[in-house]
PDB file of N, CA and C in Angstrom:
ATOM      1  N   MET A   1     -20.219 -38.022   7.598  1.00  0.00           N
ATOM      2  CA  MET A   1     -19.665 -37.873   8.933  1.00  0.00           C
ATOM      3  C   MET A   1     -19.632 -36.377   9.244  1.00  0.00           C
ATOM      4  N   ASN A   2     -20.396 -35.938  10.197  1.00  0.00           N
ATOM      5  CA  ASN A   2     -20.387 -34.539  10.623  1.00  0.00           C
ATOM      6  C   ASN A   2     -19.230 -34.347  11.591  1.00  0.00           C
ATOM      7  N   THR A   3     -18.293 -33.457  11.225  1.00  0.00           N
ATOM      8  CA  THR A   3     -17.071 -33.342  12.010  1.00  0.00           C
ATOM      9  C   THR A   3     -16.872 -31.966  12.630  1.00  0.00           C
ATOM     10  N   ASP A   4     -17.822 -31.060  12.479  1.00  0.00           N
ATOM     11  CA  ASP A   4     -17.663 -29.729  13.050  1.00  0.00           C
ATOM     12  C   ASP A   4     -17.561 -29.803  14.565  1.00  0.00           C
ATOM     13  N   ASN A   5     -16.542 -29.140  15.108  1.00  0.00           N
ATOM     14  CA  ASN A   5     -16.333 -29.097  16.561  1.00  0.00           C
ATOM     15  C   ASN A   5     -16.239 -30.479  17.199  1.00  0.00           C
ATOM     16  N   ARG A   6     -15.683 -31.407  16.492  1.00  0.00           N
ATOM     17  CA  ARG A   6     -15.518 -32.751  17.040  1.00  0.00           C
ATOM     18  C   ARG A   6     -14.042 -33.115  17.055  1.00  0.00           C
ATOM     19  N   LEU A   7     -13.720 -33.973  17.991  1.00  0.00           N
ATOM     20  CA  LEU A   7     -12.354 -34.461  18.118  1.00  0.00           C
ATOM     21  C   LEU A   7     -12.311 -35.934  17.743  1.00  0.00           C
ATOM     22  N   PHE A   8     -11.279 -36.283  17.009  1.00  0.00           N
ATOM     23  CA  PHE A   8     -11.015 -37.673  16.678  1.00  0.00           C
ATOM     24  C   PHE A   8      -9.980 -38.165  17.666  1.00  0.00           C
ATOM     25  N   MET A   9     -10.231 -39.310  18.262  1.00  0.00           N
ATOM     26  CA  MET A   9      -9.302 -39.837  19.244  1.00  0.00           C
ATOM     27  C   MET A   9      -9.263 -41.355  19.178  1.00  0.00           C
ATOM     28  N   ARG A  10      -8.126 -41.890  19.580  1.00  0.00           N
ATOM     29  CA  ARG A  10      -7.973 -43.341  19.596  1.00  0.00           C
ATOM     30  C   ARG A  10      -8.963 -43.964  20.571  1.00  0.00           C
ATOM     31  N   GLN A  11      -9.455 -45.110  20.185  1.00  0.00           N
ATOM     32  CA  GLN A  11     -10.350 -45.872  21.054  1.00  0.00           C
ATOM     33  C   GLN A  11      -9.527 -46.489  22.195  1.00  0.00           C
ATOM     34  N   ASP A  12     -10.093 -46.550  23.359  1.00  0.00           N
ATOM     35  CA  ASP A  12      -9.432 -47.202  24.487  1.00  0.00           C
ATOM     36  C   ASP A  12      -9.339 -48.703  24.220  1.00  0.00           C
ATOM     37  N   GLY A  13      -8.393 -49.354  24.857  1.00  0.00           N
ATOM     38  CA  GLY A  13      -8.292 -50.804  24.785  1.00  0.00           C
ATOM     39  C   GLY A  13      -7.553 -51.332  23.574  1.00  0.00           C
ATOM     40  N   LEU A  14      -6.796 -50.469  22.885  1.00  0.00           N
ATOM     41  CA  LEU A  14      -6.006 -50.925  21.742  1.00  0.00           C
ATOM     42  C   LEU A  14      -4.543 -51.034  22.143  1.00  0.00           C
ATOM     43  N   VAL A  15      -3.905 -52.059  21.652  1.00  0.00           N
ATOM     44  CA  VAL A  15      -2.475 -52.233  21.838  1.00  0.00           C
ATOM     45  C   VAL A  15      -1.847 -51.982  20.476  1.00  0.00           C
ATOM     46  N   ALA A  16      -0.868 -51.066  20.405  1.00  0.00           N
ATOM     47  CA  ALA A  16      -0.250 -50.731  19.122  1.00  0.00           C
ATOM     48  C   ALA A  16       1.261 -50.711  19.258  1.00  0.00           C
ATOM     49  N   THR A  17       1.922 -51.096  18.170  1.00  0.00           N
ATOM     50  CA  THR A  17       3.378 -51.058  18.132  1.00  0.00           C
ATOM     51  C   THR A  17       3.832 -50.838  16.703  1.00  0.00           C
ATOM     52  N   ASP A  18       5.064 -50.361  16.548  1.00  0.00           N
ATOM     53  CA  ASP A  18       5.655 -50.186  15.239  1.00  0.00           C
ATOM     54  C   ASP A  18       6.447 -51.438  14.891  1.00  0.00           C
ATOM     55  N   MET A  19       6.177 -52.011  13.719  1.00  0.00           N
ATOM     56  CA  MET A  19       6.906 -53.202  13.258  1.00  0.00           C
ATOM     57  C   MET A  19       7.408 -52.932  11.844  1.00  0.00           C
ATOM     58  N   ASP A  20       8.707 -52.646  11.736  1.00  0.00           N
ATOM     59  CA  ASP A  20       9.328 -52.398  10.433  1.00  0.00           C
ATOM     60  C   ASP A  20       8.602 -51.318   9.637  1.00  0.00           C
ATOM     61  N   GLY A  21       8.256 -50.211  10.288  1.00  0.00           N
ATOM     62  CA  GLY A  21       7.623 -49.094   9.610  1.00  0.00           C
ATOM     63  C   GLY A  21       6.119 -49.190   9.460  1.00  0.00           C
ATOM     64  N   GLU A  22       5.530 -50.249   9.946  1.00  0.00           N
ATOM     65  CA  GLU A  22       4.077 -50.396   9.901  1.00  0.00           C
ATOM     66  C   GLU A  22       3.546 -50.376  11.324  1.00  0.00           C
ATOM     67  N   THR A  23       2.452 -49.661  11.531  1.00  0.00           N
ATOM     68  CA  THR A  23       1.805 -49.651  12.833  1.00  0.00           C
ATOM     69  C   THR A  23       0.847 -50.829  12.884  1.00  0.00           C
ATOM     70  N   VAL A  24       1.075 -51.700  13.850  1.00  0.00           N
ATOM     71  CA  VAL A  24       0.224 -52.886  14.015  1.00  0.00           C
ATOM     72  C   VAL A  24      -0.539 -52.710  15.323  1.00  0.00           C
ATOM     73  N   MET A  25      -1.855 -52.885  15.240  1.00  0.00           N
ATOM     74  CA  MET A  25      -2.716 -52.688  16.396  1.00  0.00           C
ATOM     75  C   MET A  25      -3.540 -53.935  16.644  1.00  0.00           C
ATOM     76  N   MET A  26      -3.858 -54.137  17.900  1.00  0.00           N
ATOM     77  CA  MET A  26      -4.763 -55.215  18.259  1.00  0.00           C
ATOM     78  C   MET A  26      -5.862 -54.645  19.137  1.00  0.00           C
ATOM     79  N   SER A  27      -7.075 -54.961  18.764  1.00  0.00           N
ATOM     80  CA  SER A  27      -8.220 -54.627  19.599  1.00  0.00           C
ATOM     81  C   SER A  27      -8.408 -55.782  20.559  1.00  0.00           C
ATOM     82  N   VAL A  28      -8.069 -55.554  21.818  1.00  0.00           N
ATOM     83  CA  VAL A  28      -8.193 -56.599  22.833  1.00  0.00           C
ATOM     84  C   VAL A  28      -9.652 -57.024  22.954  1.00  0.00           C
ATOM     85  N   GLU A  29     -10.534 -56.050  22.943  1.00  0.00           N
ATOM     86  CA  GLU A  29     -11.961 -56.321  23.096  1.00  0.00           C
ATOM     87  C   GLU A  29     -12.506 -57.171  21.952  1.00  0.00           C
ATOM     88  N   ARG A  30     -12.082 -56.879  20.727  1.00  0.00           N
ATOM     89  CA  ARG A  30     -12.607 -57.577  19.551  1.00  0.00           C
ATOM     90  C   ARG A  30     -11.729 -58.746  19.107  1.00  0.00           C
ATOM     91  N   GLY A  31     -10.494 -58.802  19.615  1.00  0.00           N
ATOM     92  CA  GLY A  31      -9.580 -59.861  19.219  1.00  0.00           C
ATOM     93  C   GLY A  31      -9.172 -59.785  17.764  1.00  0.00           C
ATOM     94  N   GLU A  32      -9.055 -58.561  17.223  1.00  0.00           N
ATOM     95  CA  GLU A  32      -8.707 -58.362  15.825  1.00  0.00           C
ATOM     96  C   GLU A  32      -7.418 -57.565  15.706  1.00  0.00           C
ATOM     97  N   TYR A  33      -6.684 -57.843  14.635  1.00  0.00           N
ATOM     98  CA  TYR A  33      -5.459 -57.122  14.334  1.00  0.00           C
ATOM     99  C   TYR A  33      -5.696 -56.182  13.161  1.00  0.00           C
ATOM    100  N   PHE A  34      -4.996 -55.046  13.181  1.00  0.00           N
ATOM    101  CA  PHE A  34      -5.069 -54.063  12.105  1.00  0.00           C
ATOM    102  C   PHE A  34      -3.667 -53.560  11.830  1.00  0.00           C
ATOM    103  N   GLY A  35      -3.407 -53.172  10.596  1.00  0.00           N
ATOM    104  CA  GLY A  35      -2.110 -52.629  10.250  1.00  0.00           C
ATOM    105  C   GLY A  35      -2.251 -51.358   9.437  1.00  0.00           C
ATOM    106  N   LEU A  36      -1.395 -50.388   9.717  1.00  0.00           N
ATOM    107  CA  LEU A  36      -1.372 -49.124   8.986  1.00  0.00           C
ATOM    108  C   LEU A  36       0.056 -48.812   8.585  1.00  0.00           C
ATOM    109  N   SER A  37       0.237 -48.336   7.368  1.00  0.00           N
ATOM    110  CA  SER A  37       1.564 -47.921   6.939  1.00  0.00           C
ATOM    111  C   SER A  37       1.459 -46.587   6.213  1.00  0.00           C
ATOM    112  N   GLY A  38       2.596 -45.985   5.927  1.00  0.00           N
ATOM    113  CA  GLY A  38       2.625 -44.727   5.182  1.00  0.00           C
ATOM    114  C   GLY A  38       1.849 -43.632   5.880  1.00  0.00           C
ATOM    115  N   ILE A  39       1.005 -42.959   5.101  1.00  0.00           N
ATOM    116  CA  ILE A  39       0.210 -41.844   5.633  1.00  0.00           C
ATOM    117  C   ILE A  39      -0.695 -42.328   6.765  1.00  0.00           C
ATOM    118  N   GLY A  40      -1.262 -43.515   6.624  1.00  0.00           N
ATOM    119  CA  GLY A  40      -2.149 -44.050   7.660  1.00  0.00           C
ATOM    120  C   GLY A  40      -1.448 -44.192   8.994  1.00  0.00           C
ATOM    121  N   GLY A  41      -0.218 -44.681   8.963  1.00  0.00           N
ATOM    122  CA  GLY A  41       0.555 -44.809  10.196  1.00  0.00           C
ATOM    123  C   GLY A  41       0.873 -43.462  10.813  1.00  0.00           C
ATOM    124  N   GLN A  42       1.139 -42.467   9.960  1.00  0.00           N
ATOM    125  CA  GLN A  42       1.428 -41.124  10.475  1.00  0.00           C
ATOM    126  C   GLN A  42       0.182 -40.505  11.099  1.00  0.00           C
ATOM    127  N   ILE A  43      -0.965 -40.691  10.462  1.00  0.00           N
ATOM    128  CA  ILE A  43      -2.216 -40.171  11.029  1.00  0.00           C
ATOM    129  C   ILE A  43      -2.471 -40.822  12.386  1.00  0.00           C
ATOM    130  N   TRP A  44      -2.223 -42.114  12.480  1.00  0.00           N
ATOM    131  CA  TRP A  44      -2.395 -42.808  13.760  1.00  0.00           C
ATOM    132  C   TRP A  44      -1.494 -42.187  14.824  1.00  0.00           C
ATOM    133  N   ALA A  45      -0.271 -41.872  14.458  1.00  0.00           N
ATOM    134  CA  ALA A  45       0.660 -41.247  15.413  1.00  0.00           C
ATOM    135  C   ALA A  45       0.126 -39.895  15.863  1.00  0.00           C
ATOM    136  N   TRP A  46      -0.404 -39.105  14.929  1.00  0.00           N
ATOM    137  CA  TRP A  46      -0.965 -37.805  15.307  1.00  0.00           C
ATOM    138  C   TRP A  46      -2.154 -37.965  16.251  1.00  0.00           C
ATOM    139  N   LEU A  47      -2.886 -39.055  16.105  1.00  0.00           N
ATOM    140  CA  LEU A  47      -4.060 -39.274  16.951  1.00  0.00           C
ATOM    141  C   LEU A  47      -3.703 -39.731  18.368  1.00  0.00           C
ATOM    142  N   GLU A  48      -2.424 -39.716  18.678  1.00  0.00           N
ATOM    143  CA  GLU A  48      -2.030 -39.975  20.064  1.00  0.00           C
ATOM    144  C   GLU A  48      -2.671 -38.916  20.970  1.00  0.00           C
ATOM    145  N   GLN A  49      -2.844 -37.725  20.413  1.00  0.00           N
ATOM    146  CA  GLN A  49      -3.575 -36.646  21.079  1.00  0.00           C
ATOM    147  C   GLN A  49      -4.848 -36.393  20.268  1.00  0.00           C
ATOM    148  N   PRO A  50      -5.985 -36.167  20.905  1.00  0.00           N
ATOM    149  CA  PRO A  50      -7.220 -35.880  20.164  1.00  0.00           C
ATOM    150  C   PRO A  50      -7.026 -34.680  19.233  1.00  0.00           C
ATOM    151  N   ARG A  51      -7.570 -34.777  18.030  1.00  0.00           N
ATOM    152  CA  ARG A  51      -7.407 -33.729  17.020  1.00  0.00           C
ATOM    153  C   ARG A  51      -8.714 -33.506  16.282  1.00  0.00           C
ATOM    154  N   THR A  52      -8.894 -32.275  15.808  1.00  0.00           N
ATOM    155  CA  THR A  52     -10.037 -31.962  14.961  1.00  0.00           C
ATOM    156  C   THR A  52      -9.707 -32.357  13.527  1.00  0.00           C
ATOM    157  N   LEU A  53     -10.724 -32.425  12.704  1.00  0.00           N
ATOM    158  CA  LEU A  53     -10.513 -32.716  11.293  1.00  0.00           C
ATOM    159  C   LEU A  53      -9.620 -31.647  10.671  1.00  0.00           C
ATOM    160  N   ASP A  54      -9.875 -30.383  10.984  1.00  0.00           N
ATOM    161  CA  ASP A  54      -9.059 -29.301  10.417  1.00  0.00           C
ATOM    162  C   ASP A  54      -7.592 -29.447  10.797  1.00  0.00           C
ATOM    163  N   GLN A  55      -7.313 -29.825  12.030  1.00  0.00           N
ATOM    164  CA  GLN A  55      -5.924 -30.018  12.454  1.00  0.00           C
ATOM    165  C   GLN A  55      -5.272 -31.161  11.684  1.00  0.00           C
ATOM    166  N   LEU A  56      -6.007 -32.239  11.496  1.00  0.00           N
ATOM    167  CA  LEU A  56      -5.476 -33.377  10.761  1.00  0.00           C
ATOM    168  C   LEU A  56      -5.265 -33.045   9.286  1.00  0.00           C
ATOM    169  N   VAL A  57      -6.220 -32.331   8.682  1.00  0.00           N
ATOM    170  CA  VAL A  57      -6.078 -31.935   7.278  1.00  0.00           C
ATOM    171  C   VAL A  57      -4.839 -31.064   7.111  1.00  0.00           C
ATOM    172  N   GLU A  58      -4.659 -30.103   7.991  1.00  0.00           N
ATOM    173  CA  GLU A  58      -3.496 -29.224   7.914  1.00  0.00           C
ATOM    174  C   GLU A  58      -2.197 -30.028   8.006  1.00  0.00           C
ATOM    175  N   SER A  59      -2.133 -30.957   8.944  1.00  0.00           N
ATOM    176  CA  SER A  59      -0.931 -31.773   9.110  1.00  0.00           C
ATOM    177  C   SER A  59      -0.663 -32.642   7.886  1.00  0.00           C
ATOM    178  N   VAL A  60      -1.704 -33.285   7.380  1.00  0.00           N
ATOM    179  CA  VAL A  60      -1.543 -34.159   6.211  1.00  0.00           C
ATOM    180  C   VAL A  60      -1.079 -33.342   4.999  1.00  0.00           C
ATOM    181  N   CYS A  61      -1.737 -32.225   4.761  1.00  0.00           N
ATOM    182  CA  CYS A  61      -1.412 -31.420   3.578  1.00  0.00           C
ATOM    183  C   CYS A  61       0.000 -30.841   3.653  1.00  0.00           C
ATOM    184  N   GLU A  62       0.409 -30.391   4.824  1.00  0.00           N
ATOM    185  CA  GLU A  62       1.757 -29.843   4.978  1.00  0.00           C
ATOM    186  C   GLU A  62       2.821 -30.929   4.882  1.00  0.00           C
ATOM    187  N   THR A  63       2.601 -32.038   5.538  1.00  0.00           N
ATOM    188  CA  THR A  63       3.605 -33.105   5.591  1.00  0.00           C
ATOM    189  C   THR A  63       3.757 -33.820   4.254  1.00  0.00           C
ATOM    190  N   PHE A  64       2.647 -34.067   3.562  1.00  0.00           N
ATOM    191  CA  PHE A  64       2.683 -34.870   2.346  1.00  0.00           C
ATOM    192  C   PHE A  64       2.441 -34.059   1.079  1.00  0.00           C
ATOM    193  N   GLU A  65       2.383 -32.725   1.206  1.00  0.00           N
ATOM    194  CA  GLU A  65       2.206 -31.820   0.069  1.00  0.00           C
ATOM    195  C   GLU A  65       1.002 -32.216  -0.786  1.00  0.00           C
ATOM    196  N   ILE A  66      -0.137 -32.298  -0.123  1.00  0.00           N
ATOM    197  CA  ILE A  66      -1.398 -32.670  -0.762  1.00  0.00           C
ATOM    198  C   ILE A  66      -2.298 -31.439  -0.771  1.00  0.00           C
ATOM    199  N   GLU A  67      -3.068 -31.273  -1.830  1.00  0.00           N
ATOM    200  CA  GLU A  67      -4.024 -30.175  -1.907  1.00  0.00           C
ATOM    201  C   GLU A  67      -5.093 -30.345  -0.825  1.00  0.00           C
ATOM    202  N   PRO A  68      -5.480 -29.242  -0.160  1.00  0.00           N
ATOM    203  CA  PRO A  68      -6.446 -29.337   0.948  1.00  0.00           C
ATOM    204  C   PRO A  68      -7.759 -30.051   0.602  1.00  0.00           C
ATOM    205  N   ALA A  69      -8.329 -29.787  -0.563  1.00  0.00           N
ATOM    206  CA  ALA A  69      -9.612 -30.421  -0.904  1.00  0.00           C
ATOM    207  C   ALA A  69      -9.440 -31.931  -1.033  1.00  0.00           C
ATOM    208  N   THR A  70      -8.375 -32.363  -1.676  1.00  0.00           N
ATOM    209  CA  THR A  70      -8.099 -33.793  -1.821  1.00  0.00           C
ATOM    210  C   THR A  70      -7.783 -34.413  -0.468  1.00  0.00           C
ATOM    211  N   GLY A  71      -6.946 -33.728   0.296  1.00  0.00           N
ATOM    212  CA  GLY A  71      -6.564 -34.230   1.612  1.00  0.00           C
ATOM    213  C   GLY A  71      -7.757 -34.400   2.524  1.00  0.00           C
ATOM    214  N   ARG A  72      -8.659 -33.425   2.509  1.00  0.00           N
ATOM    215  CA  ARG A  72      -9.846 -33.489   3.375  1.00  0.00           C
ATOM    216  C   ARG A  72     -10.731 -34.674   2.983  1.00  0.00           C
ATOM    217  N   ALA A  73     -10.997 -34.824   1.700  1.00  0.00           N
ATOM    218  CA  ALA A  73     -11.878 -35.908   1.248  1.00  0.00           C
ATOM    219  C   ALA A  73     -11.274 -37.276   1.573  1.00  0.00           C
ATOM    220  N   ASP A  74      -9.988 -37.446   1.272  1.00  0.00           N
ATOM    221  CA  ASP A  74      -9.334 -38.727   1.556  1.00  0.00           C
ATOM    222  C   ASP A  74      -9.276 -38.996   3.053  1.00  0.00           C
ATOM    223  N   LEU A  75      -8.984 -37.968   3.824  1.00  0.00           N
ATOM    224  CA  LEU A  75      -8.888 -38.113   5.275  1.00  0.00           C
ATOM    225  C   LEU A  75     -10.239 -38.478   5.877  1.00  0.00           C
ATOM    226  N   GLN A  76     -11.296 -37.868   5.398  1.00  0.00           N
ATOM    227  CA  GLN A  76     -12.627 -38.203   5.922  1.00  0.00           C
ATOM    228  C   GLN A  76     -12.961 -39.670   5.665  1.00  0.00           C
ATOM    229  N   ARG A  77     -12.621 -40.176   4.486  1.00  0.00           N
ATOM    230  CA  ARG A  77     -12.869 -41.595   4.197  1.00  0.00           C
ATOM    231  C   ARG A  77     -12.031 -42.491   5.105  1.00  0.00           C
ATOM    232  N   PHE A  78     -10.772 -42.118   5.294  1.00  0.00           N
ATOM    233  CA  PHE A  78      -9.881 -42.904   6.142  1.00  0.00           C
ATOM    234  C   PHE A  78     -10.372 -42.911   7.589  1.00  0.00           C
ATOM    235  N   LEU A  79     -10.733 -41.742   8.104  1.00  0.00           N
ATOM    236  CA  LEU A  79     -11.219 -41.660   9.483  1.00  0.00           C
ATOM    237  C   LEU A  79     -12.513 -42.447   9.661  1.00  0.00           C
ATOM    238  N   GLN A  80     -13.370 -42.417   8.651  1.00  0.00           N
ATOM    239  CA  GLN A  80     -14.610 -43.191   8.728  1.00  0.00           C
ATOM    240  C   GLN A  80     -14.300 -44.673   8.795  1.00  0.00           C
ATOM    241  N   SER A  81     -13.301 -45.117   8.035  1.00  0.00           N
ATOM    242  CA  SER A  81     -12.891 -46.518   8.075  1.00  0.00           C
ATOM    243  C   SER A  81     -12.348 -46.898   9.453  1.00  0.00           C
ATOM    244  N   LEU A  82     -11.526 -46.016  10.032  1.00  0.00           N
ATOM    245  CA  LEU A  82     -11.018 -46.275  11.385  1.00  0.00           C
ATOM    246  C   LEU A  82     -12.163 -46.358  12.386  1.00  0.00           C
ATOM    247  N   GLN A  83     -13.128 -45.464  12.240  1.00  0.00           N
ATOM    248  CA  GLN A  83     -14.275 -45.460  13.151  1.00  0.00           C
ATOM    249  C   GLN A  83     -15.126 -46.717  12.944  1.00  0.00           C
ATOM    250  N   ASP A  84     -15.362 -47.096  11.699  1.00  0.00           N
ATOM    251  CA  ASP A  84     -16.159 -48.291  11.397  1.00  0.00           C
ATOM    252  C   ASP A  84     -15.526 -49.550  11.984  1.00  0.00           C
ATOM    253  N   ASN A  85     -14.197 -49.560  12.073  1.00  0.00           N
ATOM    254  CA  ASN A  85     -13.475 -50.721  12.610  1.00  0.00           C
ATOM    255  C   ASN A  85     -13.214 -50.612  14.109  1.00  0.00           C
ATOM    256  N   GLY A  86     -13.792 -49.600  14.746  1.00  0.00           N
ATOM    257  CA  GLY A  86     -13.684 -49.469  16.192  1.00  0.00           C
ATOM    258  C   GLY A  86     -12.323 -49.021  16.685  1.00  0.00           C
ATOM    259  N   LEU A  87     -11.531 -48.372  15.823  1.00  0.00           N
ATOM    260  CA  LEU A  87     -10.186 -47.948  16.214  1.00  0.00           C
ATOM    261  C   LEU A  87     -10.145 -46.530  16.764  1.00  0.00           C
ATOM    262  N   ILE A  88     -11.094 -45.704  16.329  1.00  0.00           N
ATOM    263  CA  ILE A  88     -11.170 -44.337  16.851  1.00  0.00           C
ATOM    264  C   ILE A  88     -12.607 -44.045  17.252  1.00  0.00           C
ATOM    265  N   LYS A  89     -12.735 -42.977  18.018  1.00  0.00           N
ATOM    266  CA  LYS A  89     -14.066 -42.471  18.344  1.00  0.00           C
ATOM    267  C   LYS A  89     -14.063 -40.982  18.064  1.00  0.00           C
ATOM    268  N   VAL A  90     -15.252 -40.446  17.881  1.00  0.00           N
ATOM    269  CA  VAL A  90     -15.426 -39.028  17.593  1.00  0.00           C
ATOM    270  C   VAL A  90     -16.284 -38.471  18.715  1.00  0.00           C
ATOM    271  N   VAL A  91     -15.772 -37.442  19.360  1.00  0.00           N
ATOM    272  CA  VAL A  91     -16.484 -36.850  20.497  1.00  0.00           C
ATOM    273  C   VAL A  91     -16.580 -35.344  20.304  1.00  0.00           C
ATOM    274  N   PRO A  92     -17.618 -34.718  20.863  1.00  0.00           N
ATOM    275  CA  PRO A  92     -17.680 -33.257  20.813  1.00  0.00           C
ATOM    276  C   PRO A  92     -16.462 -32.677  21.545  1.00  0.00           C
ATOM    277  N   ALA A  93     -15.916 -31.608  21.007  1.00  0.00           N
ATOM    278  CA  ALA A  93     -14.740 -30.987  21.628  1.00  0.00           C
ATOM    279  C   ALA A  93     -15.031 -30.598  23.074  1.00  0.00           C
ATOM    280  N   SER A  94     -16.248 -30.221  23.351  1.00  0.00           N
ATOM    281  CA  SER A  94     -16.608 -29.801  24.706  1.00  0.00           C
ATOM    282  C   SER A  94     -16.611 -30.977  25.692  1.00  0.00           C
ATOM    283  N   ALA A  95     -16.695 -32.211  25.171  1.00  0.00           N
ATOM    284  CA  ALA A  95     -16.723 -33.386  26.054  1.00  0.00           C
ATOM    285  C   ALA A  95     -15.340 -33.830  26.468  1.00  0.00           C
ATOM    286  N   HIS A  96     -14.323 -33.353  25.758  1.00  0.00           N
ATOM    287  CA  HIS A  96     -12.948 -33.754  26.074  1.00  0.00           C
ATOM    288  C   HIS A  96     -12.307 -32.694  26.945  1.00  0.00           C
ATOM    289  N   VAL A  97     -11.901 -33.096  28.114  1.00  0.00           N
ATOM    290  CA  VAL A  97     -11.277 -32.147  29.053  1.00  0.00           C
ATOM    291  C   VAL A  97      -9.819 -32.468  29.192  1.00  0.00           C
TER     292      VAL A  97
END
């Protein structure tokens, strides 16, 4: 996943709510449910506003006291999973106004 100068943002058309500490989402378009807890739920909350990979890595590492190299690798896998499931999209920073 090439992430230089790109923003990660929530996909349109998702309904999300917090249920007992877990973020539960439904893709109206796909008719599928997804759940995130712990770090995943926090990352989802941060994605309320579009963010770069570097911004997300910094937040994850500071909040959860994770080494940057580990945080970056784990975060890239997690973001790829969100993208593969149609929950987020990645756009060039210049395309987001």
